[in-house]
């Protein structure tokens, strides 16, 4: 929670965004402080081009300076919803793996039933971005959060798909258990890393290294299946769908990071889909 000068500055910014004042006297009157104090706090922001006269806020610049302003208004609320989505997905990842390892169809059915929660949270993000508090975010941020929430919701769909395959008879044997466990561990790391980039705005990320490791493991897993299950056509079909959902899960995590880096740091996303990039590598 902001206190003292930081709290007053946040209040000044809030007045500028919501009230669109023409003078510092108007700002001072709204907050019950002196015009001189308003001028003192605004000067560094005016010098940086964050606040312009007549008084408007450049939101893109505001979110790039260290004001801790994100603690307030829409940014904080959106991050909280996305964090809840991440938490649900991590739990569902564990549940799907447990259901797969133990051939537990009841757990798999519960995963399918709980998928609605992510849909609801995605809608919450969209609704939050539609109301007046949208004025607290740069347009690039708003668009990015819609894309990120959509990607998180799709991650839940892939886990539900795998759960359906378990209900329909997909199960592991001891020849591939170790590799499947490693793959689920990588998915967990990728999801956590993706959300960390969204939450902290960090520029350096290990997501691409994790993506490469995921695909090395998937190739190894496929080789094991081809070696040990060559006569089981039904298993091939189900397992192929399982591998596709795992691959898509990883791709979506990468997309979340790419979207955040573009919004936060102006790093353009590649126009080449992840699968084609891997083929060209």
C-alpha atoms as a PDB file:
ATOM      1  CA  UNK A   1       0.000   0.000   0.000  1.00  0.00           C
ATOM      2  CA  UNK A   2       1.343   3.436  -0.962  1.00  0.00           C
ATOM      3  CA  UNK A   3       1.887   6.058   1.721  1.00  0.00           C
ATOM      4  CA  UNK A   4       3.035   9.652   1.975  1.00  0.00           C
ATOM      5  CA  UNK A   5       4.357  11.269  -1.199  1.00  0.00           C
ATOM      6  CA  UNK A   6       3.788   8.152  -3.337  1.00  0.00           C
ATOM      7  CA  UNK A   7       0.139   7.972  -2.290  1.00  0.00           C
ATOM      8  CA  UNK A   8      -0.338  11.662  -3.041  1.00  0.00           C
ATOM      9  CA  UNK A   9       1.274  11.273  -6.459  1.00  0.00           C
ATOM     10  CA  UNK A  10      -0.995   8.317  -7.236  1.00  0.00           C
ATOM     11  CA  UNK A  11      -3.931  10.509  -6.217  1.00  0.00           C
ATOM     12  CA  UNK A  12      -2.768  13.280  -8.542  1.00  0.00           C
ATOM     13  CA  UNK A  13      -2.507  10.858 -11.449  1.00  0.00           C
ATOM     14  CA  UNK A  14      -5.972   9.488 -10.665  1.00  0.00           C
ATOM     15  CA  UNK A  15      -7.456  13.012 -10.730  1.00  0.00           C
ATOM     16  CA  UNK A  16      -5.750  13.783 -14.053  1.00  0.00           C
ATOM     17  CA  UNK A  17      -7.008  10.572 -15.643  1.00  0.00           C
ATOM     18  CA  UNK A  18     -10.569  10.784 -14.325  1.00  0.00           C
ATOM     19  CA  UNK A  19     -11.231  14.533 -14.056  1.00  0.00           C
ATOM     20  CA  UNK A  20      -9.110  15.903 -16.940  1.00  0.00           C
ATOM     21  CA  UNK A  21      -8.204  19.147 -15.074  1.00  0.00           C
ATOM     22  CA  UNK A  22      -6.832  22.141 -16.945  1.00  0.00           C
ATOM     23  CA  UNK A  23      -4.805  23.648 -14.103  1.00  0.00           C
ATOM     24  CA  UNK A  24      -2.759  22.541 -11.118  1.00  0.00           C
ATOM     25  CA  UNK A  25      -5.105  24.573  -8.930  1.00  0.00           C
ATOM     26  CA  UNK A  26      -7.956  22.219  -9.892  1.00  0.00           C
ATOM     27  CA  UNK A  27      -5.853  19.196  -8.950  1.00  0.00           C
ATOM     28  CA  UNK A  28      -4.862  20.756  -5.639  1.00  0.00           C
ATOM     29  CA  UNK A  29      -8.470  21.602  -4.802  1.00  0.00           C
ATOM     30  CA  UNK A  30      -9.643  18.064  -5.546  1.00  0.00           C
ATOM     31  CA  UNK A  31      -7.033  16.559  -3.213  1.00  0.00           C
ATOM     32  CA  UNK A  32      -7.033  19.255  -0.535  1.00  0.00           C
ATOM     33  CA  UNK A  33      -3.317  20.017  -0.929  1.00  0.00           C
ATOM     34  CA  UNK A  34      -1.347  23.074  -2.035  1.00  0.00           C
ATOM     35  CA  UNK A  35      -0.783  23.885  -5.697  1.00  0.00           C
ATOM     36  CA  UNK A  36       2.934  24.195  -4.931  1.00  0.00           C
ATOM     37  CA  UNK A  37       3.036  20.592  -3.689  1.00  0.00           C
ATOM     38  CA  UNK A  38       1.190  19.442  -6.819  1.00  0.00           C
ATOM     39  CA  UNK A  39       3.748  21.271  -8.983  1.00  0.00           C
ATOM     40  CA  UNK A  40       6.658  19.722  -7.053  1.00  0.00           C
ATOM     41  CA  UNK A  41       5.372  16.166  -7.450  1.00  0.00           C
ATOM     42  CA  UNK A  42       4.414  16.605 -11.101  1.00  0.00           C
ATOM     43  CA  UNK A  43       7.660  18.214 -12.265  1.00  0.00           C
ATOM     44  CA  UNK A  44       9.666  14.968 -12.700  1.00  0.00           C
ATOM     45  CA  UNK A  45       6.752  13.400 -14.603  1.00  0.00           C
ATOM     46  CA  UNK A  46       6.369  16.450 -16.831  1.00  0.00           C
ATOM     47  CA  UNK A  47      10.117  16.408 -17.529  1.00  0.00           C
ATOM     48  CA  UNK A  48       9.863  12.730 -18.542  1.00  0.00           C
ATOM     49  CA  UNK A  49       6.840  13.344 -20.738  1.00  0.00           C
ATOM     50  CA  UNK A  50       4.639  11.124 -18.572  1.00  0.00           C
ATOM     51  CA  UNK A  51       2.289  14.034 -17.819  1.00  0.00           C
ATOM     52  CA  UNK A  52       1.566  16.707 -20.410  1.00  0.00           C
ATOM     53  CA  UNK A  53      -0.223  20.054 -20.277  1.00  0.00           C
ATOM     54  CA  UNK A  54      -3.152  20.492 -20.430  1.00  0.00           C
ATOM     55  CA  UNK A  55      -3.068  17.725 -17.953  1.00  0.00           C
ATOM     56  CA  UNK A  56      -3.150  14.289 -19.503  1.00  0.00           C
ATOM     57  CA  UNK A  57      -1.212  11.116 -18.692  1.00  0.00           C
ATOM     58  CA  UNK A  58       0.764   9.124 -21.231  1.00  0.00           C
ATOM     59  CA  UNK A  59      -0.208   5.675 -19.911  1.00  0.00           C
ATOM     60  CA  UNK A  60       2.456   3.837 -21.869  1.00  0.00           C
ATOM     61  CA  UNK A  61       5.182   5.914 -20.237  1.00  0.00           C
ATOM     62  CA  UNK A  62       3.477   5.763 -16.850  1.00  0.00           C
ATOM     63  CA  UNK A  63       3.707   1.966 -16.809  1.00  0.00           C
ATOM     64  CA  UNK A  64       7.401   2.051 -17.676  1.00  0.00           C
ATOM     65  CA  UNK A  65       8.552   4.170 -14.725  1.00  0.00           C
ATOM     66  CA  UNK A  66       8.941   3.043 -11.140  1.00  0.00           C
ATOM     67  CA  UNK A  67       5.893   4.548  -9.455  1.00  0.00           C
ATOM     68  CA  UNK A  68       4.318   1.328  -8.169  1.00  0.00           C
ATOM     69  CA  UNK A  69       1.146   2.711  -9.705  1.00  0.00           C
ATOM     70  CA  UNK A  70       0.184  -0.776 -10.883  1.00  0.00           C
ATOM     71  CA  UNK A  71      -0.781  -1.578  -7.293  1.00  0.00           C
ATOM     72  CA  UNK A  72      -3.951   0.384  -7.931  1.00  0.00           C
ATOM     73  CA  UNK A  73      -6.866   0.181 -10.301  1.00  0.00           C
ATOM     74  CA  UNK A  74      -7.248  -2.185 -13.228  1.00  0.00           C
ATOM     75  CA  UNK A  75      -3.726  -3.633 -13.480  1.00  0.00           C
ATOM     76  CA  UNK A  76      -3.828  -5.094  -9.990  1.00  0.00           C
ATOM     77  CA  UNK A  77      -7.270  -6.610 -10.533  1.00  0.00           C
ATOM     78  CA  UNK A  78      -6.348  -8.176 -13.860  1.00  0.00           C
ATOM     79  CA  UNK A  79      -3.132  -9.688 -12.520  1.00  0.00           C
ATOM     80  CA  UNK A  80      -5.116 -11.181  -9.623  1.00  0.00           C
ATOM     81  CA  UNK A  81      -7.554 -12.860 -12.021  1.00  0.00           C
ATOM     82  CA  UNK A  82      -4.736 -14.172 -14.203  1.00  0.00           C
ATOM     83  CA  UNK A  83      -2.988 -15.446 -11.084  1.00  0.00           C
ATOM     84  CA  UNK A  84      -6.156 -17.332 -10.149  1.00  0.00           C
ATOM     85  CA  UNK A  85      -6.230 -18.827 -13.634  1.00  0.00           C
ATOM     86  CA  UNK A  86      -2.614 -19.939 -13.245  1.00  0.00           C
ATOM     87  CA  UNK A  87      -3.406 -21.515  -9.880  1.00  0.00           C
ATOM     88  CA  UNK A  88      -6.348 -23.461 -11.326  1.00  0.00           C
ATOM     89  CA  UNK A  89      -4.216 -24.654 -14.233  1.00  0.00           C
ATOM     90  CA  UNK A  90      -1.399 -25.838 -11.984  1.00  0.00           C
ATOM     91  CA  UNK A  91      -3.896 -27.834  -9.938  1.00  0.00           C
ATOM     92  CA  UNK A  92      -5.453 -29.279 -13.081  1.00  0.00           C
ATOM     93  CA  UNK A  93      -2.022 -30.221 -14.445  1.00  0.00           C
ATOM     94  CA  UNK A  94      -1.356 -32.208 -11.271  1.00  0.00           C
ATOM     95  CA  UNK A  95      -4.795 -33.807 -11.441  1.00  0.00           C
ATOM     96  CA  UNK A  96      -4.427 -34.841 -15.078  1.00  0.00           C
ATOM     97  CA  UNK A  97      -1.021 -36.361 -14.410  1.00  0.00           C
ATOM     98  CA  UNK A  98      -2.354 -38.211 -11.369  1.00  0.00           C
ATOM     99  CA  UNK A  99      -5.322 -39.507 -13.359  1.00  0.00           C
ATOM    100  CA  UNK A 100      -3.022 -40.623 -16.172  1.00  0.00           C
ATOM    101  CA  UNK A 101      -0.503 -42.289 -13.891  1.00  0.00           C
ATOM    102  CA  UNK A 102      -3.114 -44.067 -11.770  1.00  0.00           C
ATOM    103  CA  UNK A 103      -5.603 -44.693 -14.588  1.00  0.00           C
ATOM    104  CA  UNK A 104      -8.137 -42.875 -12.421  1.00  0.00           C
ATOM    105  CA  UNK A 105     -11.163 -41.969 -14.531  1.00  0.00           C
ATOM    106  CA  UNK A 106     -12.946 -40.261 -11.638  1.00  0.00           C
ATOM    107  CA  UNK A 107     -10.185 -37.661 -11.290  1.00  0.00           C
ATOM    108  CA  UNK A 108     -10.208 -37.171 -15.065  1.00  0.00           C
ATOM    109  CA  UNK A 109     -13.965 -36.551 -15.026  1.00  0.00           C
ATOM    110  CA  UNK A 110     -13.515 -33.945 -12.288  1.00  0.00           C
ATOM    111  CA  UNK A 111     -10.967 -32.104 -14.451  1.00  0.00           C
ATOM    112  CA  UNK A 112     -13.478 -31.952 -17.308  1.00  0.00           C
ATOM    113  CA  UNK A 113     -16.234 -30.630 -15.035  1.00  0.00           C
ATOM    114  CA  UNK A 114     -14.002 -27.917 -13.559  1.00  0.00           C
ATOM    115  CA  UNK A 115     -13.010 -26.469 -16.933  1.00  0.00           C
ATOM    116  CA  UNK A 116     -15.876 -23.935 -16.694  1.00  0.00           C
ATOM    117  CA  UNK A 117     -13.981 -22.007 -13.983  1.00  0.00           C
ATOM    118  CA  UNK A 118     -11.330 -20.840 -16.463  1.00  0.00           C
ATOM    119  CA  UNK A 119     -14.000 -19.744 -18.936  1.00  0.00           C
ATOM    120  CA  UNK A 120     -15.595 -17.615 -16.233  1.00  0.00           C
ATOM    121  CA  UNK A 121     -12.298 -15.979 -15.268  1.00  0.00           C
ATOM    122  CA  UNK A 122     -11.502 -15.188 -18.906  1.00  0.00           C
ATOM    123  CA  UNK A 123     -14.847 -13.375 -19.125  1.00  0.00           C
ATOM    124  CA  UNK A 124     -14.023 -11.465 -15.923  1.00  0.00           C
ATOM    125  CA  UNK A 125     -10.858 -10.107 -17.549  1.00  0.00           C
ATOM    126  CA  UNK A 126     -12.785  -9.030 -20.642  1.00  0.00           C
ATOM    127  CA  UNK A 127     -15.500  -7.346 -18.578  1.00  0.00           C
ATOM    128  CA  UNK A 128     -12.933  -5.518 -16.457  1.00  0.00           C
ATOM    129  CA  UNK A 129     -11.295  -4.171 -19.591  1.00  0.00           C
ATOM    130  CA  UNK A 130     -14.625  -2.909 -20.933  1.00  0.00           C
ATOM    131  CA  UNK A 131     -15.487  -0.665 -17.993  1.00  0.00           C
ATOM    132  CA  UNK A 132     -14.206   2.850 -17.393  1.00  0.00           C
ATOM    133  CA  UNK A 133     -11.056   1.669 -15.615  1.00  0.00           C
ATOM    134  CA  UNK A 134      -9.694   0.767 -19.056  1.00  0.00           C
ATOM    135  CA  UNK A 135      -8.390   4.346 -19.078  1.00  0.00           C
ATOM    136  CA  UNK A 136      -5.695   3.238 -16.617  1.00  0.00           C
ATOM    137  CA  UNK A 137      -4.027   0.958 -19.174  1.00  0.00           C
ATOM    138  CA  UNK A 138      -2.249   1.588 -22.466  1.00  0.00           C
ATOM    139  CA  UNK A 139      -4.163   0.060 -25.360  1.00  0.00           C
ATOM    140  CA  UNK A 140      -1.296  -2.369 -25.985  1.00  0.00           C
ATOM    141  CA  UNK A 141      -1.636  -3.670 -22.415  1.00  0.00           C
ATOM    142  CA  UNK A 142      -5.386  -4.077 -22.700  1.00  0.00           C
ATOM    143  CA  UNK A 143      -5.100  -6.044 -25.934  1.00  0.00           C
ATOM    144  CA  UNK A 144      -2.309  -8.169 -24.479  1.00  0.00           C
ATOM    145  CA  UNK A 145      -4.309  -9.100 -21.381  1.00  0.00           C
ATOM    146  CA  UNK A 146      -7.247 -10.236 -23.521  1.00  0.00           C
ATOM    147  CA  UNK A 147      -4.890 -12.468 -25.536  1.00  0.00           C
ATOM    148  CA  UNK A 148      -3.171 -13.796 -22.400  1.00  0.00           C
ATOM    149  CA  UNK A 149      -6.477 -14.633 -20.695  1.00  0.00           C
ATOM    150  CA  UNK A 150      -7.638 -16.393 -23.863  1.00  0.00           C
ATOM    151  CA  UNK A 151      -4.430 -18.435 -23.980  1.00  0.00           C
ATOM    152  CA  UNK A 152      -4.805 -19.451 -20.335  1.00  0.00           C
ATOM    153  CA  UNK A 153      -8.375 -20.562 -20.995  1.00  0.00           C
ATOM    154  CA  UNK A 154      -7.170 -22.645 -23.939  1.00  0.00           C
ATOM    155  CA  UNK A 155      -4.585 -24.340 -21.711  1.00  0.00           C
ATOM    156  CA  UNK A 156      -7.504 -25.599 -19.651  1.00  0.00           C
ATOM    157  CA  UNK A 157      -9.136 -26.958 -22.793  1.00  0.00           C
ATOM    158  CA  UNK A 158      -6.038 -29.009 -23.611  1.00  0.00           C
ATOM    159  CA  UNK A 159      -5.989 -30.491 -20.114  1.00  0.00           C
ATOM    160  CA  UNK A 160      -9.691 -31.324 -20.432  1.00  0.00           C
ATOM    161  CA  UNK A 161      -8.943 -32.998 -23.776  1.00  0.00           C
ATOM    162  CA  UNK A 162      -6.318 -35.198 -22.135  1.00  0.00           C
ATOM    163  CA  UNK A 163      -8.759 -35.987 -19.321  1.00  0.00           C
ATOM    164  CA  UNK A 164     -11.326 -37.097 -21.916  1.00  0.00           C
ATOM    165  CA  UNK A 165      -8.756 -39.423 -23.470  1.00  0.00           C
ATOM    166  CA  UNK A 166      -8.140 -40.936 -20.017  1.00  0.00           C
ATOM    167  CA  UNK A 167     -11.878 -41.463 -19.555  1.00  0.00           C
ATOM    168  CA  UNK A 168     -11.924 -43.125 -22.973  1.00  0.00           C
ATOM    169  CA  UNK A 169      -9.170 -45.538 -22.024  1.00  0.00           C
ATOM    170  CA  UNK A 170      -5.786 -43.812 -22.409  1.00  0.00           C
ATOM    171  CA  UNK A 171      -3.302 -45.156 -19.859  1.00  0.00           C
ATOM    172  CA  UNK A 172       0.435 -45.452 -19.395  1.00  0.00           C
ATOM    173  CA  UNK A 173       2.683 -48.410 -18.969  1.00  0.00           C
ATOM    174  CA  UNK A 174       6.048 -48.583 -17.214  1.00  0.00           C
ATOM    175  CA  UNK A 175       8.047 -48.131 -20.430  1.00  0.00           C
ATOM    176  CA  UNK A 176       6.991 -44.472 -20.780  1.00  0.00           C
ATOM    177  CA  UNK A 177       6.075 -43.385 -17.227  1.00  0.00           C
ATOM    178  CA  UNK A 178       9.387 -41.642 -16.547  1.00  0.00           C
ATOM    179  CA  UNK A 179       9.291 -39.597 -19.738  1.00  0.00           C
ATOM    180  CA  UNK A 180       5.667 -38.574 -19.214  1.00  0.00           C
ATOM    181  CA  UNK A 181       6.493 -37.405 -15.697  1.00  0.00           C
ATOM    182  CA  UNK A 182       9.382 -35.281 -17.023  1.00  0.00           C
ATOM    183  CA  UNK A 183       7.109 -33.781 -19.663  1.00  0.00           C
ATOM    184  CA  UNK A 184       4.482 -32.761 -17.098  1.00  0.00           C
ATOM    185  CA  UNK A 185       7.237 -31.195 -14.982  1.00  0.00           C
ATOM    186  CA  UNK A 186       8.316 -29.132 -17.993  1.00  0.00           C
ATOM    187  CA  UNK A 187       4.730 -28.023 -18.633  1.00  0.00           C
ATOM    188  CA  UNK A 188       4.471 -26.873 -15.032  1.00  0.00           C
ATOM    189  CA  UNK A 189       7.700 -24.883 -15.383  1.00  0.00           C
ATOM    190  CA  UNK A 190       6.547 -23.338 -18.655  1.00  0.00           C
ATOM    191  CA  UNK A 191       3.233 -22.214 -17.175  1.00  0.00           C
ATOM    192  CA  UNK A 192       4.896 -20.715 -14.107  1.00  0.00           C
ATOM    193  CA  UNK A 193       7.522 -18.974 -16.233  1.00  0.00           C
ATOM    194  CA  UNK A 194       4.884 -17.546 -18.574  1.00  0.00           C
ATOM    195  CA  UNK A 195       2.912 -16.061 -15.696  1.00  0.00           C
ATOM    196  CA  UNK A 196       6.085 -14.730 -14.067  1.00  0.00           C
ATOM    197  CA  UNK A 197       6.836 -12.737 -17.224  1.00  0.00           C
ATOM    198  CA  UNK A 198       3.288 -11.351 -17.219  1.00  0.00           C
ATOM    199  CA  UNK A 199       3.367 -10.476 -13.538  1.00  0.00           C
ATOM    200  CA  UNK A 200       6.868  -9.002 -13.196  1.00  0.00           C
ATOM    201  CA  UNK A 201       7.378  -7.598 -16.728  1.00  0.00           C
ATOM    202  CA  UNK A 202      10.815  -9.199 -16.804  1.00  0.00           C
ATOM    203  CA  UNK A 203      12.544  -9.161 -20.163  1.00  0.00           C
ATOM    204  CA  UNK A 204      14.828 -12.184 -19.836  1.00  0.00           C
ATOM    205  CA  UNK A 205      13.014 -15.513 -19.865  1.00  0.00           C
ATOM    206  CA  UNK A 206      13.813 -19.220 -19.949  1.00  0.00           C
ATOM    207  CA  UNK A 207      10.593 -20.081 -21.791  1.00  0.00           C
ATOM    208  CA  UNK A 208      12.339 -20.773 -25.097  1.00  0.00           C
ATOM    209  CA  UNK A 209      14.851 -23.117 -23.491  1.00  0.00           C
ATOM    210  CA  UNK A 210      11.968 -24.945 -21.829  1.00  0.00           C
ATOM    211  CA  UNK A 211      10.155 -25.145 -25.164  1.00  0.00           C
ATOM    212  CA  UNK A 212      13.175 -26.809 -26.755  1.00  0.00           C
ATOM    213  CA  UNK A 213      13.469 -29.257 -23.856  1.00  0.00           C
ATOM    214  CA  UNK A 214       9.772 -30.101 -24.126  1.00  0.00           C
ATOM    215  CA  UNK A 215      10.114 -31.059 -27.772  1.00  0.00           C
ATOM    216  CA  UNK A 216      13.227 -33.117 -27.172  1.00  0.00           C
ATOM    217  CA  UNK A 217      11.270 -35.058 -24.558  1.00  0.00           C
ATOM    218  CA  UNK A 218       8.266 -35.442 -26.846  1.00  0.00           C
ATOM    219  CA  UNK A 219      10.491 -36.864 -29.592  1.00  0.00           C
ATOM    220  CA  UNK A 220      12.035 -39.304 -27.142  1.00  0.00           C
ATOM    221  CA  UNK A 221       8.621 -40.314 -25.845  1.00  0.00           C
ATOM    222  CA  UNK A 222       7.344 -40.927 -29.369  1.00  0.00           C
ATOM    223  CA  UNK A 223      10.366 -43.122 -30.108  1.00  0.00           C
ATOM    224  CA  UNK A 224       9.608 -45.212 -27.015  1.00  0.00           C
ATOM    225  CA  UNK A 225       5.994 -45.619 -28.058  1.00  0.00           C
ATOM    226  CA  UNK A 226       6.955 -46.636 -31.585  1.00  0.00           C
ATOM    227  CA  UNK A 227       9.322 -49.200 -30.151  1.00  0.00           C
ATOM    228  CA  UNK A 228       7.028 -50.719 -27.540  1.00  0.00           C
ATOM    229  CA  UNK A 229       3.498 -50.211 -28.865  1.00  0.00           C
ATOM    230  CA  UNK A 230       3.925 -50.837 -32.573  1.00  0.00           C
ATOM    231  CA  UNK A 231       1.045 -53.329 -32.726  1.00  0.00           C
ATOM    232  CA  UNK A 232      -1.484 -51.309 -30.712  1.00  0.00           C
ATOM    233  CA  UNK A 233      -3.313 -49.110 -33.247  1.00  0.00           C
ATOM    234  CA  UNK A 234      -5.876 -47.781 -30.750  1.00  0.00           C
ATOM    235  CA  UNK A 235      -3.109 -46.661 -28.421  1.00  0.00           C
ATOM    236  CA  UNK A 236      -1.388 -44.891 -31.336  1.00  0.00           C
ATOM    237  CA  UNK A 237      -4.512 -42.882 -32.066  1.00  0.00           C
ATOM    238  CA  UNK A 238      -5.172 -41.870 -28.461  1.00  0.00           C
ATOM    239  CA  UNK A 239      -1.543 -41.204 -27.725  1.00  0.00           C
ATOM    240  CA  UNK A 240      -1.199 -39.063 -30.838  1.00  0.00           C
ATOM    241  CA  UNK A 241      -4.025 -36.837 -29.589  1.00  0.00           C
ATOM    242  CA  UNK A 242      -2.368 -36.688 -26.164  1.00  0.00           C
ATOM    243  CA  UNK A 243       0.947 -35.585 -27.701  1.00  0.00           C
ATOM    244  CA  UNK A 244      -0.802 -32.923 -29.787  1.00  0.00           C
ATOM    245  CA  UNK A 245      -2.462 -31.402 -26.709  1.00  0.00           C
ATOM    246  CA  UNK A 246       0.861 -31.421 -24.848  1.00  0.00           C
ATOM    247  CA  UNK A 247       2.536 -29.666 -27.781  1.00  0.00           C
ATOM    248  CA  UNK A 248      -0.229 -27.069 -27.969  1.00  0.00           C
ATOM    249  CA  UNK A 249      -0.007 -26.453 -24.227  1.00  0.00           C
ATOM    250  CA  UNK A 250       3.673 -25.594 -24.629  1.00  0.00           C
ATOM    251  CA  UNK A 251       2.976 -23.397 -27.664  1.00  0.00           C
ATOM    252  CA  UNK A 252       0.376 -21.393 -25.732  1.00  0.00           C
ATOM    253  CA  UNK A 253       2.817 -20.773 -22.877  1.00  0.00           C
ATOM    254  CA  UNK A 254       5.314 -19.400 -25.399  1.00  0.00           C
ATOM    255  CA  UNK A 255       2.581 -17.256 -26.942  1.00  0.00           C
ATOM    256  CA  UNK A 256       1.768 -15.768 -23.540  1.00  0.00           C
ATOM    257  CA  UNK A 257       5.403 -14.753 -23.091  1.00  0.00           C
ATOM    258  CA  UNK A 258       5.650 -13.359 -26.636  1.00  0.00           C
ATOM    259  CA  UNK A 259       2.483 -11.314 -26.068  1.00  0.00           C
ATOM    260  CA  UNK A 260       3.741  -9.903 -22.765  1.00  0.00           C
ATOM    261  CA  UNK A 261       7.173  -9.009 -24.182  1.00  0.00           C
ATOM    262  CA  UNK A 262       5.555  -7.199 -27.083  1.00  0.00           C
ATOM    263  CA  UNK A 263       3.281  -5.178 -24.781  1.00  0.00           C
ATOM    264  CA  UNK A 264       5.858  -4.408 -22.091  1.00  0.00           C
ATOM    265  CA  UNK A 265       9.059  -4.050 -24.108  1.00  0.00           C
ATOM    266  CA  UNK A 266       8.003  -3.508 -27.726  1.00  0.00           C
ATOM    267  CA  UNK A 267       9.594  -6.802 -28.785  1.00  0.00           C
ATOM    268  CA  UNK A 268       7.557  -7.870 -31.825  1.00  0.00           C
ATOM    269  CA  UNK A 269       6.164 -11.371 -31.954  1.00  0.00           C
ATOM    270  CA  UNK A 270       7.392 -13.581 -34.758  1.00  0.00           C
ATOM    271  CA  UNK A 271       4.893 -13.867 -37.604  1.00  0.00           C
ATOM    272  CA  UNK A 272       5.975 -17.501 -38.023  1.00  0.00           C
ATOM    273  CA  UNK A 273       3.986 -19.991 -35.878  1.00  0.00           C
ATOM    274  CA  UNK A 274       5.952 -21.927 -33.271  1.00  0.00           C
ATOM    275  CA  UNK A 275       5.634 -25.230 -35.140  1.00  0.00           C
ATOM    276  CA  UNK A 276       7.011 -23.784 -38.371  1.00  0.00           C
ATOM    277  CA  UNK A 277       9.842 -22.066 -36.518  1.00  0.00           C
ATOM    278  CA  UNK A 278      10.845 -25.423 -35.079  1.00  0.00           C
ATOM    279  CA  UNK A 279      10.791 -26.993 -38.544  1.00  0.00           C
ATOM    280  CA  UNK A 280      13.108 -24.293 -39.856  1.00  0.00           C
ATOM    281  CA  UNK A 281      15.537 -24.603 -36.938  1.00  0.00           C
END
